[in-house]
Amino acid sequence: MTLIRVLRPDVPEPSRAAMNLAPRRELPDGATIGLIANGKPLARELLAVLADEIARRLERRLERVWLEKPSASAQISAEEAGSMAVRAHIVISGLGD
């Protein structure tokens, strides 16, 4: 038998236990942001705007490291992921639509 779950926007959700955010370190001067474009149209432009906004909110200049996937279905290699993890303090990846 199939279970159908009905979500009702007119009924408030039950309260949830508070959660703590993961600890964050202060970004160093000259921090680097990694940007992984997923190969879709305008992905690079969207990530650039996001990086600009993050830099504006942090009130500092961020170096950029780009990784371009050939298509949305392509995966980055373990070497590319490792390189990005070593080089960047923040990483934004375009994962879907």
PDB file of N, CA and C in Angstrom:
ATOM      1  N   MET A   1       0.834  -1.170   0.000  1.00  0.00           N
ATOM      2  CA  MET A   1       0.000   0.000   0.000  1.00  0.00           C
ATOM      3  C   MET A   1       0.884   1.241   0.000  1.00  0.00           C
ATOM      4  N   THR A   2       0.481   2.243  -0.735  1.00  0.00           N
ATOM      5  CA  THR A   2       1.248   3.477  -0.857  1.00  0.00           C
ATOM      6  C   THR A   2       0.788   4.482   0.190  1.00  0.00           C
ATOM      7  N   LEU A   3       1.737   5.190   0.765  1.00  0.00           N
ATOM      8  CA  LEU A   3       1.443   6.227   1.743  1.00  0.00           C
ATOM      9  C   LEU A   3       1.495   7.580   1.049  1.00  0.00           C
ATOM     10  N   ILE A   4       0.459   8.368   1.220  1.00  0.00           N
ATOM     11  CA  ILE A   4       0.416   9.722   0.670  1.00  0.00           C
ATOM     12  C   ILE A   4       0.502  10.691   1.835  1.00  0.00           C
ATOM     13  N   ARG A   5       1.491  11.556   1.789  1.00  0.00           N
ATOM     14  CA  ARG A   5       1.682  12.554   2.842  1.00  0.00           C
ATOM     15  C   ARG A   5       1.164  13.891   2.326  1.00  0.00           C
ATOM     16  N   VAL A   6       0.225  14.471   3.029  1.00  0.00           N
ATOM     17  CA  VAL A   6      -0.379  15.737   2.630  1.00  0.00           C
ATOM     18  C   VAL A   6       0.277  16.852   3.434  1.00  0.00           C
ATOM     19  N   LEU A   7       0.824  17.837   2.730  1.00  0.00           N
ATOM     20  CA  LEU A   7       1.424  18.995   3.378  1.00  0.00           C
ATOM     21  C   LEU A   7       0.425  20.138   3.312  1.00  0.00           C
ATOM     22  N   ARG A   8       0.083  20.681   4.467  1.00  0.00           N
ATOM     23  CA  ARG A   8      -0.915  21.743   4.521  1.00  0.00           C
ATOM     24  C   ARG A   8      -0.255  23.055   4.928  1.00  0.00           C
ATOM     25  N   PRO A   9      -0.239  24.030   4.034  1.00  0.00           N
ATOM     26  CA  PRO A   9       0.397  25.311   4.375  1.00  0.00           C
ATOM     27  C   PRO A   9      -0.405  26.126   5.384  1.00  0.00           C
ATOM     28  N   ASP A  10      -1.665  25.756   5.637  1.00  0.00           N
ATOM     29  CA  ASP A  10      -2.484  26.504   6.588  1.00  0.00           C
ATOM     30  C   ASP A  10      -2.341  25.990   8.026  1.00  0.00           C
ATOM     31  N   VAL A  11      -1.590  24.919   8.203  1.00  0.00           N
ATOM     32  CA  VAL A  11      -1.367  24.360   9.535  1.00  0.00           C
ATOM     33  C   VAL A  11       0.084  24.631   9.925  1.00  0.00           C
ATOM     34  N   PRO A  12       0.327  25.302  11.063  1.00  0.00           N
ATOM     35  CA  PRO A  12       1.713  25.595  11.446  1.00  0.00           C
ATOM     36  C   PRO A  12       2.483  24.308  11.749  1.00  0.00           C
ATOM     37  N   GLU A  13       3.754  24.329  11.383  1.00  0.00           N
ATOM     38  CA  GLU A  13       4.615  23.177  11.661  1.00  0.00           C
ATOM     39  C   GLU A  13       4.928  23.129  13.148  1.00  0.00           C
ATOM     40  N   PRO A  14       5.104  21.929  13.681  1.00  0.00           N
ATOM     41  CA  PRO A  14       5.482  21.852  15.096  1.00  0.00           C
ATOM     42  C   PRO A  14       6.868  22.461  15.303  1.00  0.00           C
ATOM     43  N   SER A  15       7.080  23.009  16.483  1.00  0.00           N
ATOM     44  CA  SER A  15       8.384  23.620  16.756  1.00  0.00           C
ATOM     45  C   SER A  15       9.461  22.548  16.775  1.00  0.00           C
ATOM     46  N   ARG A  16      10.653  22.955  16.389  1.00  0.00           N
ATOM     47  CA  ARG A  16      11.793  22.045  16.339  1.00  0.00           C
ATOM     48  C   ARG A  16      12.824  22.483  17.364  1.00  0.00           C
ATOM     49  N   ALA A  17      13.609  21.535  17.789  1.00  0.00           N
ATOM     50  CA  ALA A  17      14.676  21.854  18.737  1.00  0.00           C
ATOM     51  C   ALA A  17      15.678  22.800  18.079  1.00  0.00           C
ATOM     52  N   ALA A  18      16.180  23.744  18.865  1.00  0.00           N
ATOM     53  CA  ALA A  18      17.183  24.682  18.342  1.00  0.00           C
ATOM     54  C   ALA A  18      18.454  23.925  17.989  1.00  0.00           C
ATOM     55  N   MET A  19      19.132  24.407  16.969  1.00  0.00           N
ATOM     56  CA  MET A  19      20.386  23.771  16.591  1.00  0.00           C
ATOM     57  C   MET A  19      21.483  24.818  16.561  1.00  0.00           C
ATOM     58  N   ASN A  20      22.676  24.369  16.790  1.00  0.00           N
ATOM     59  CA  ASN A  20      23.825  25.256  16.781  1.00  0.00           C
ATOM     60  C   ASN A  20      24.506  25.188  15.422  1.00  0.00           C
ATOM     61  N   LEU A  21      24.925  26.336  14.937  1.00  0.00           N
ATOM     62  CA  LEU A  21      25.673  26.373  13.691  1.00  0.00           C
ATOM     63  C   LEU A  21      27.078  25.836  13.920  1.00  0.00           C
ATOM     64  N   ALA A  22      27.640  25.291  12.881  1.00  0.00           N
ATOM     65  CA  ALA A  22      29.019  24.801  12.962  1.00  0.00           C
ATOM     66  C   ALA A  22      29.943  25.976  13.242  1.00  0.00           C
ATOM     67  N   PRO A  23      31.004  25.754  14.008  1.00  0.00           N
ATOM     68  CA  PRO A  23      31.924  26.864  14.301  1.00  0.00           C
ATOM     69  C   PRO A  23      32.609  27.348  13.029  1.00  0.00           C
ATOM     70  N   ARG A  24      32.809  28.625  12.948  1.00  0.00           N
ATOM     71  CA  ARG A  24      33.458  29.238  11.795  1.00  0.00           C
ATOM     72  C   ARG A  24      34.714  29.961  12.246  1.00  0.00           C
ATOM     73  N   ARG A  25      35.741  29.865  11.430  1.00  0.00           N
ATOM     74  CA  ARG A  25      36.959  30.627  11.695  1.00  0.00           C
ATOM     75  C   ARG A  25      36.877  31.950  10.956  1.00  0.00           C
ATOM     76  N   GLU A  26      37.588  32.918  11.462  1.00  0.00           N
ATOM     77  CA  GLU A  26      37.688  34.200  10.767  1.00  0.00           C
ATOM     78  C   GLU A  26      38.486  33.989   9.496  1.00  0.00           C
ATOM     79  N   LEU A  27      38.030  34.575   8.410  1.00  0.00           N
ATOM     80  CA  LEU A  27      38.767  34.457   7.152  1.00  0.00           C
ATOM     81  C   LEU A  27      40.039  35.298   7.216  1.00  0.00           C
ATOM     82  N   PRO A  28      41.121  34.771   6.682  1.00  0.00           N
ATOM     83  CA  PRO A  28      42.358  35.554   6.674  1.00  0.00           C
ATOM     84  C   PRO A  28      42.294  36.668   5.638  1.00  0.00           C
ATOM     85  N   ASP A  29      43.177  37.648   5.783  1.00  0.00           N
ATOM     86  CA  ASP A  29      43.295  38.665   4.739  1.00  0.00           C
ATOM     87  C   ASP A  29      43.715  37.966   3.456  1.00  0.00           C
ATOM     88  N   GLY A  30      43.178  38.407   2.346  1.00  0.00           N
ATOM     89  CA  GLY A  30      43.500  37.773   1.065  1.00  0.00           C
ATOM     90  C   GLY A  30      42.884  36.397   0.931  1.00  0.00           C
ATOM     91  N   ALA A  31      41.702  36.206   1.529  1.00  0.00           N
ATOM     92  CA  ALA A  31      41.020  34.910   1.458  1.00  0.00           C
ATOM     93  C   ALA A  31      40.672  34.583   0.001  1.00  0.00           C
ATOM     94  N   THR A  32      40.528  33.298  -0.257  1.00  0.00           N
ATOM     95  CA  THR A  32      40.237  32.819  -1.605  1.00  0.00           C
ATOM     96  C   THR A  32      38.880  32.144  -1.626  1.00  0.00           C
ATOM     97  N   ILE A  33      38.085  32.472  -2.659  1.00  0.00           N
ATOM     98  CA  ILE A  33      36.797  31.822  -2.851  1.00  0.00           C
ATOM     99  C   ILE A  33      36.898  30.941  -4.090  1.00  0.00           C
ATOM    100  N   GLY A  34      36.520  29.693  -3.944  1.00  0.00           N
ATOM    101  CA  GLY A  34      36.509  28.756  -5.063  1.00  0.00           C
ATOM    102  C   GLY A  34      35.142  28.737  -5.702  1.00  0.00           C
ATOM    103  N   LEU A  35      35.104  28.791  -7.005  1.00  0.00           N
ATOM    104  CA  LEU A  35      33.835  28.819  -7.742  1.00  0.00           C
ATOM    105  C   LEU A  35      33.845  27.682  -8.760  1.00  0.00           C
ATOM    106  N   ILE A  36      32.860  26.798  -8.662  1.00  0.00           N
ATOM    107  CA  ILE A  36      32.775  25.652  -9.561  1.00  0.00           C
ATOM    108  C   ILE A  36      31.540  25.829 -10.428  1.00  0.00           C
ATOM    109  N   ALA A  37      31.741  26.249 -11.666  1.00  0.00           N
ATOM    110  CA  ALA A  37      30.639  26.441 -12.610  1.00  0.00           C
ATOM    111  C   ALA A  37      30.233  25.080 -13.157  1.00  0.00           C
ATOM    112  N   ASN A  38      28.924  24.823 -13.187  1.00  0.00           N
ATOM    113  CA  ASN A  38      28.446  23.497 -13.543  1.00  0.00           C
ATOM    114  C   ASN A  38      28.254  23.268 -15.037  1.00  0.00           C
ATOM    115  N   GLY A  39      28.650  24.195 -15.868  1.00  0.00           N
ATOM    116  CA  GLY A  39      28.547  24.000 -17.314  1.00  0.00           C
ATOM    117  C   GLY A  39      27.242  24.467 -17.922  1.00  0.00           C
ATOM    118  N   LYS A  40      26.323  24.968 -17.113  1.00  0.00           N
ATOM    119  CA  LYS A  40      25.050  25.461 -17.639  1.00  0.00           C
ATOM    120  C   LYS A  40      25.211  26.911 -18.082  1.00  0.00           C
ATOM    121  N   PRO A  41      24.313  27.348 -18.976  1.00  0.00           N
ATOM    122  CA  PRO A  41      24.395  28.742 -19.441  1.00  0.00           C
ATOM    123  C   PRO A  41      24.299  29.719 -18.268  1.00  0.00           C
ATOM    124  N   LEU A  42      25.153  30.701 -18.273  1.00  0.00           N
ATOM    125  CA  LEU A  42      25.204  31.782 -17.290  1.00  0.00           C
ATOM    126  C   LEU A  42      25.619  31.336 -15.884  1.00  0.00           C
ATOM    127  N   ALA A  43      26.068  30.102 -15.724  1.00  0.00           N
ATOM    128  CA  ALA A  43      26.510  29.639 -14.403  1.00  0.00           C
ATOM    129  C   ALA A  43      27.691  30.469 -13.924  1.00  0.00           C
ATOM    130  N   ARG A  44      28.638  30.731 -14.801  1.00  0.00           N
ATOM    131  CA  ARG A  44      29.814  31.510 -14.411  1.00  0.00           C
ATOM    132  C   ARG A  44      29.415  32.923 -13.988  1.00  0.00           C
ATOM    133  N   GLU A  45      28.506  33.526 -14.726  1.00  0.00           N
ATOM    134  CA  GLU A  45      28.065  34.881 -14.405  1.00  0.00           C
ATOM    135  C   GLU A  45      27.349  34.919 -13.056  1.00  0.00           C
ATOM    136  N   LEU A  46      26.503  33.938 -12.792  1.00  0.00           N
ATOM    137  CA  LEU A  46      25.785  33.880 -11.521  1.00  0.00           C
ATOM    138  C   LEU A  46      26.760  33.712 -10.352  1.00  0.00           C
ATOM    139  N   LEU A  47      27.728  32.826 -10.493  1.00  0.00           N
ATOM    140  CA  LEU A  47      28.713  32.625  -9.438  1.00  0.00           C
ATOM    141  C   LEU A  47      29.550  33.882  -9.212  1.00  0.00           C
ATOM    142  N   ALA A  48      29.854  34.600 -10.266  1.00  0.00           N
ATOM    143  CA  ALA A  48      30.619  35.846 -10.124  1.00  0.00           C
ATOM    144  C   ALA A  48      29.829  36.875  -9.325  1.00  0.00           C
ATOM    145  N   VAL A  49      28.528  36.961  -9.579  1.00  0.00           N
ATOM    146  CA  VAL A  49      27.679  37.892  -8.823  1.00  0.00           C
ATOM    147  C   VAL A  49      27.623  37.482  -7.352  1.00  0.00           C
ATOM    148  N   LEU A  50      27.498  36.181  -7.095  1.00  0.00           N
ATOM    149  CA  LEU A  50      27.491  35.706  -5.713  1.00  0.00           C
ATOM    150  C   LEU A  50      28.810  36.026  -5.004  1.00  0.00           C
ATOM    151  N   ALA A  51      29.920  35.814  -5.696  1.00  0.00           N
ATOM    152  CA  ALA A  51      31.228  36.118  -5.115  1.00  0.00           C
ATOM    153  C   ALA A  51      31.359  37.611  -4.823  1.00  0.00           C
ATOM    154  N   ASP A  52      30.883  38.448  -5.733  1.00  0.00           N
ATOM    155  CA  ASP A  52      30.903  39.901  -5.508  1.00  0.00           C
ATOM    156  C   ASP A  52      30.100  40.269  -4.260  1.00  0.00           C
ATOM    157  N   GLU A  53      28.924  39.648  -4.106  1.00  0.00           N
ATOM    158  CA  GLU A  53      28.066  39.958  -2.961  1.00  0.00           C
ATOM    159  C   GLU A  53      28.696  39.493  -1.653  1.00  0.00           C
ATOM    160  N   ILE A  54      29.317  38.335  -1.655  1.00  0.00           N
ATOM    161  CA  ILE A  54      29.993  37.855  -0.449  1.00  0.00           C
ATOM    162  C   ILE A  54      31.131  38.802  -0.075  1.00  0.00           C
ATOM    163  N   ALA A  55      31.913  39.206  -1.063  1.00  0.00           N
ATOM    164  CA  ALA A  55      33.015  40.135  -0.800  1.00  0.00           C
ATOM    165  C   ALA A  55      32.485  41.464  -0.259  1.00  0.00           C
ATOM    166  N   ARG A  56      31.379  41.928  -0.807  1.00  0.00           N
ATOM    167  CA  ARG A  56      30.786  43.185  -0.346  1.00  0.00           C
ATOM    168  C   ARG A  56      30.332  43.058   1.110  1.00  0.00           C
ATOM    169  N   ARG A  57      29.667  41.953   1.425  1.00  0.00           N
ATOM    170  CA  ARG A  57      29.173  41.766   2.792  1.00  0.00           C
ATOM    171  C   ARG A  57      30.310  41.573   3.798  1.00  0.00           C
ATOM    172  N   LEU A  58      31.372  40.936   3.362  1.00  0.00           N
ATOM    173  CA  LEU A  58      32.524  40.746   4.249  1.00  0.00           C
ATOM    174  C   LEU A  58      33.415  41.980   4.301  1.00  0.00           C
ATOM    175  N   GLU A  59      33.168  42.917   3.391  1.00  0.00           N
ATOM    176  CA  GLU A  59      33.939  44.155   3.285  1.00  0.00           C
ATOM    177  C   GLU A  59      35.416  43.863   3.085  1.00  0.00           C
ATOM    178  N   ARG A  60      35.680  42.969   2.141  1.00  0.00           N
ATOM    179  CA  ARG A  60      37.070  42.651   1.803  1.00  0.00           C
ATOM    180  C   ARG A  60      37.127  42.101   0.391  1.00  0.00           C
ATOM    181  N   ARG A  61      38.313  42.128  -0.151  1.00  0.00           N
ATOM    182  CA  ARG A  61      38.557  41.600  -1.493  1.00  0.00           C
ATOM    183  C   ARG A  61      38.858  40.109  -1.362  1.00  0.00           C
ATOM    184  N   LEU A  62      38.242  39.310  -2.211  1.00  0.00           N
ATOM    185  CA  LEU A  62      38.465  37.868  -2.212  1.00  0.00           C
ATOM    186  C   LEU A  62      39.115  37.453  -3.528  1.00  0.00           C
ATOM    187  N   GLU A  63      40.181  36.694  -3.439  1.00  0.00           N
ATOM    188  CA  GLU A  63      40.764  36.105  -4.638  1.00  0.00           C
ATOM    189  C   GLU A  63      39.818  35.021  -5.133  1.00  0.00           C
ATOM    190  N   ARG A  64      39.801  34.790  -6.439  1.00  0.00           N
ATOM    191  CA  ARG A  64      38.904  33.779  -7.014  1.00  0.00           C
ATOM    192  C   ARG A  64      39.692  32.676  -7.688  1.00  0.00           C
ATOM    193  N   VAL A  65      39.240  31.453  -7.460  1.00  0.00           N
ATOM    194  CA  VAL A  65      39.780  30.282  -8.143  1.00  0.00           C
ATOM    195  C   VAL A  65      38.597  29.628  -8.848  1.00  0.00           C
ATOM    196  N   TRP A  66      38.724  29.460 -10.171  1.00  0.00           N
ATOM    197  CA  TRP A  66      37.628  28.915 -10.962  1.00  0.00           C
ATOM    198  C   TRP A  66      37.895  27.470 -11.359  1.00  0.00           C
ATOM    199  N   LEU A  67      36.817  26.707 -11.392  1.00  0.00           N
ATOM    200  CA  LEU A  67      36.831  25.362 -11.952  1.00  0.00           C
ATOM    201  C   LEU A  67      35.595  25.267 -12.833  1.00  0.00           C
ATOM    202  N   GLU A  68      35.795  24.920 -14.098  1.00  0.00           N
ATOM    203  CA  GLU A  68      34.689  24.847 -15.053  1.00  0.00           C
ATOM    204  C   GLU A  68      34.433  23.398 -15.424  1.00  0.00           C
ATOM    205  N   LYS A  69      33.219  22.937 -15.175  1.00  0.00           N
ATOM    206  CA  LYS A  69      32.848  21.604 -15.622  1.00  0.00           C
ATOM    207  C   LYS A  69      32.419  21.703 -17.084  1.00  0.00           C
ATOM    208  N   PRO A  70      32.692  20.677 -17.910  1.00  0.00           N
ATOM    209  CA  PRO A  70      32.300  20.742 -19.315  1.00  0.00           C
ATOM    210  C   PRO A  70      30.788  20.663 -19.515  1.00  0.00           C
ATOM    211  N   SER A  71      30.086  20.024 -18.581  1.00  0.00           N
ATOM    212  CA  SER A  71      28.630  19.948 -18.655  1.00  0.00           C
ATOM    213  C   SER A  71      28.088  19.706 -17.259  1.00  0.00           C
ATOM    214  N   ALA A  72      26.787  19.901 -17.107  1.00  0.00           N
ATOM    215  CA  ALA A  72      26.169  19.737 -15.788  1.00  0.00           C
ATOM    216  C   ALA A  72      26.247  18.289 -15.312  1.00  0.00           C
ATOM    217  N   SER A  73      26.292  17.348 -16.228  1.00  0.00           N
ATOM    218  CA  SER A  73      26.327  15.934 -15.832  1.00  0.00           C
ATOM    219  C   SER A  73      27.732  15.448 -15.487  1.00  0.00           C
ATOM    220  N   ALA A  74      28.745  16.233 -15.814  1.00  0.00           N
ATOM    221  CA  ALA A  74      30.125  15.830 -15.523  1.00  0.00           C
ATOM    222  C   ALA A  74      30.426  16.014 -14.040  1.00  0.00           C
ATOM    223  N   GLN A  75      31.243  15.141 -13.505  1.00  0.00           N
ATOM    224  CA  GLN A  75      31.680  15.258 -12.124  1.00  0.00           C
ATOM    225  C   GLN A  75      33.103  15.787 -12.093  1.00  0.00           C
ATOM    226  N   ILE A  76      33.424  16.496 -11.006  1.00  0.00           N
ATOM    227  CA  ILE A  76      34.820  16.892 -10.862  1.00  0.00           C
ATOM    228  C   ILE A  76      35.582  15.696 -10.295  1.00  0.00           C
ATOM    229  N   SER A  77      36.844  15.629 -10.634  1.00  0.00           N
ATOM    230  CA  SER A  77      37.658  14.504 -10.166  1.00  0.00           C
ATOM    231  C   SER A  77      38.054  14.709  -8.709  1.00  0.00           C
ATOM    232  N   ALA A  78      38.513  13.651  -8.086  1.00  0.00           N
ATOM    233  CA  ALA A  78      38.996  13.741  -6.712  1.00  0.00           C
ATOM    234  C   ALA A  78      40.167  14.701  -6.623  1.00  0.00           C
ATOM    235  N   GLU A  79      41.015  14.715  -7.647  1.00  0.00           N
ATOM    236  CA  GLU A  79      42.156  15.630  -7.661  1.00  0.00           C
ATOM    237  C   GLU A  79      41.689  17.082  -7.725  1.00  0.00           C
ATOM    238  N   GLU A  80      40.678  17.358  -8.569  1.00  0.00           N
ATOM    239  CA  GLU A  80      40.156  18.722  -8.671  1.00  0.00           C
ATOM    240  C   GLU A  80      39.515  19.154  -7.348  1.00  0.00           C
ATOM    241  N   ALA A  81      38.750  18.256  -6.723  1.00  0.00           N
ATOM    242  CA  ALA A  81      38.118  18.582  -5.445  1.00  0.00           C
ATOM    243  C   ALA A  81      39.178  18.829  -4.377  1.00  0.00           C
ATOM    244  N   GLY A  82      40.220  17.995  -4.353  1.00  0.00           N
ATOM    245  CA  GLY A  82      41.298  18.173  -3.385  1.00  0.00           C
ATOM    246  C   GLY A  82      42.042  19.470  -3.590  1.00  0.00           C
ATOM    247  N   SER A  83      42.301  19.803  -4.843  1.00  0.00           N
ATOM    248  CA  SER A  83      42.990  21.053  -5.159  1.00  0.00           C
ATOM    249  C   SER A  83      42.162  22.254  -4.721  1.00  0.00           C
ATOM    250  N   MET A  84      40.860  22.197  -4.958  1.00  0.00           N
ATOM    251  CA  MET A  84      39.979  23.294  -4.559  1.00  0.00           C
ATOM    252  C   MET A  84      39.943  23.407  -3.038  1.00  0.00           C
ATOM    253  N   ALA A  85      39.897  22.281  -2.348  1.00  0.00           N
ATOM    254  CA  ALA A  85      39.854  22.292  -0.885  1.00  0.00           C
ATOM    255  C   ALA A  85      41.118  22.900  -0.290  1.00  0.00           C
ATOM    256  N   VAL A  86      42.251  22.665  -0.929  1.00  0.00           N
ATOM    257  CA  VAL A  86      43.520  23.198  -0.433  1.00  0.00           C
ATOM    258  C   VAL A  86      43.660  24.685  -0.738  1.00  0.00           C
ATOM    259  N   ARG A  87      43.166  25.117  -1.888  1.00  0.00           N
ATOM    260  CA  ARG A  87      43.393  26.492  -2.333  1.00  0.00           C
ATOM    261  C   ARG A  87      42.370  27.491  -1.825  1.00  0.00           C
ATOM    262  N   ALA A  88      41.124  27.059  -1.556  1.00  0.00           N
ATOM    263  CA  ALA A  88      40.042  27.999  -1.252  1.00  0.00           C
ATOM    264  C   ALA A  88      39.596  27.918   0.198  1.00  0.00           C
ATOM    265  N   HIS A  89      39.221  29.071   0.741  1.00  0.00           N
ATOM    266  CA  HIS A  89      38.672  29.140   2.097  1.00  0.00           C
ATOM    267  C   HIS A  89      37.152  28.967   2.076  1.00  0.00           C
ATOM    268  N   ILE A  90      36.527  29.363   0.964  1.00  0.00           N
ATOM    269  CA  ILE A  90      35.090  29.239   0.736  1.00  0.00           C
ATOM    270  C   ILE A  90      34.924  28.642  -0.658  1.00  0.00           C
ATOM    271  N   VAL A  91      33.955  27.740  -0.832  1.00  0.00           N
ATOM    272  CA  VAL A  91      33.685  27.178  -2.161  1.00  0.00           C
ATOM    273  C   VAL A  91      32.194  27.256  -2.434  1.00  0.00           C
ATOM    274  N   ILE A  92      31.837  27.734  -3.625  1.00  0.00           N
ATOM    275  CA  ILE A  92      30.462  27.735  -4.090  1.00  0.00           C
ATOM    276  C   ILE A  92      30.414  26.904  -5.352  1.00  0.00           C
ATOM    277  N   SER A  93      29.488  25.953  -5.377  1.00  0.00           N
ATOM    278  CA  SER A  93      29.362  25.078  -6.531  1.00  0.00           C
ATOM    279  C   SER A  93      27.955  25.161  -7.070  1.00  0.00           C
ATOM    280  N   GLY A  94      27.804  25.294  -8.378  1.00  0.00           N
ATOM    281  CA  GLY A  94      26.501  25.235  -9.020  1.00  0.00           C
ATOM    282  C   GLY A  94      26.115  23.780  -9.200  1.00  0.00           C
ATOM    283  N   LEU A  95      25.103  23.329  -8.462  1.00  0.00           N
ATOM    284  CA  LEU A  95      24.751  21.914  -8.487  1.00  0.00           C
ATOM    285  C   LEU A  95      23.510  21.587  -9.284  1.00  0.00           C
ATOM    286  N   GLY A  96      22.623  22.527  -9.503  1.00  0.00           N
ATOM    287  CA  GLY A  96      21.386  22.205 -10.182  1.00  0.00           C
ATOM    288  C   GLY A  96      20.765  23.418 -10.821  1.00  0.00           C
ATOM    289  N   ASP A  97      19.520  23.281 -11.192  1.00  0.00           N
ATOM    290  CA  ASP A  97      18.806  24.373 -11.865  1.00  0.00           C
ATOM    291  C   ASP A  97      18.391  25.437 -10.879  1.00  0.00           C
TER     292      ASP A  97
END
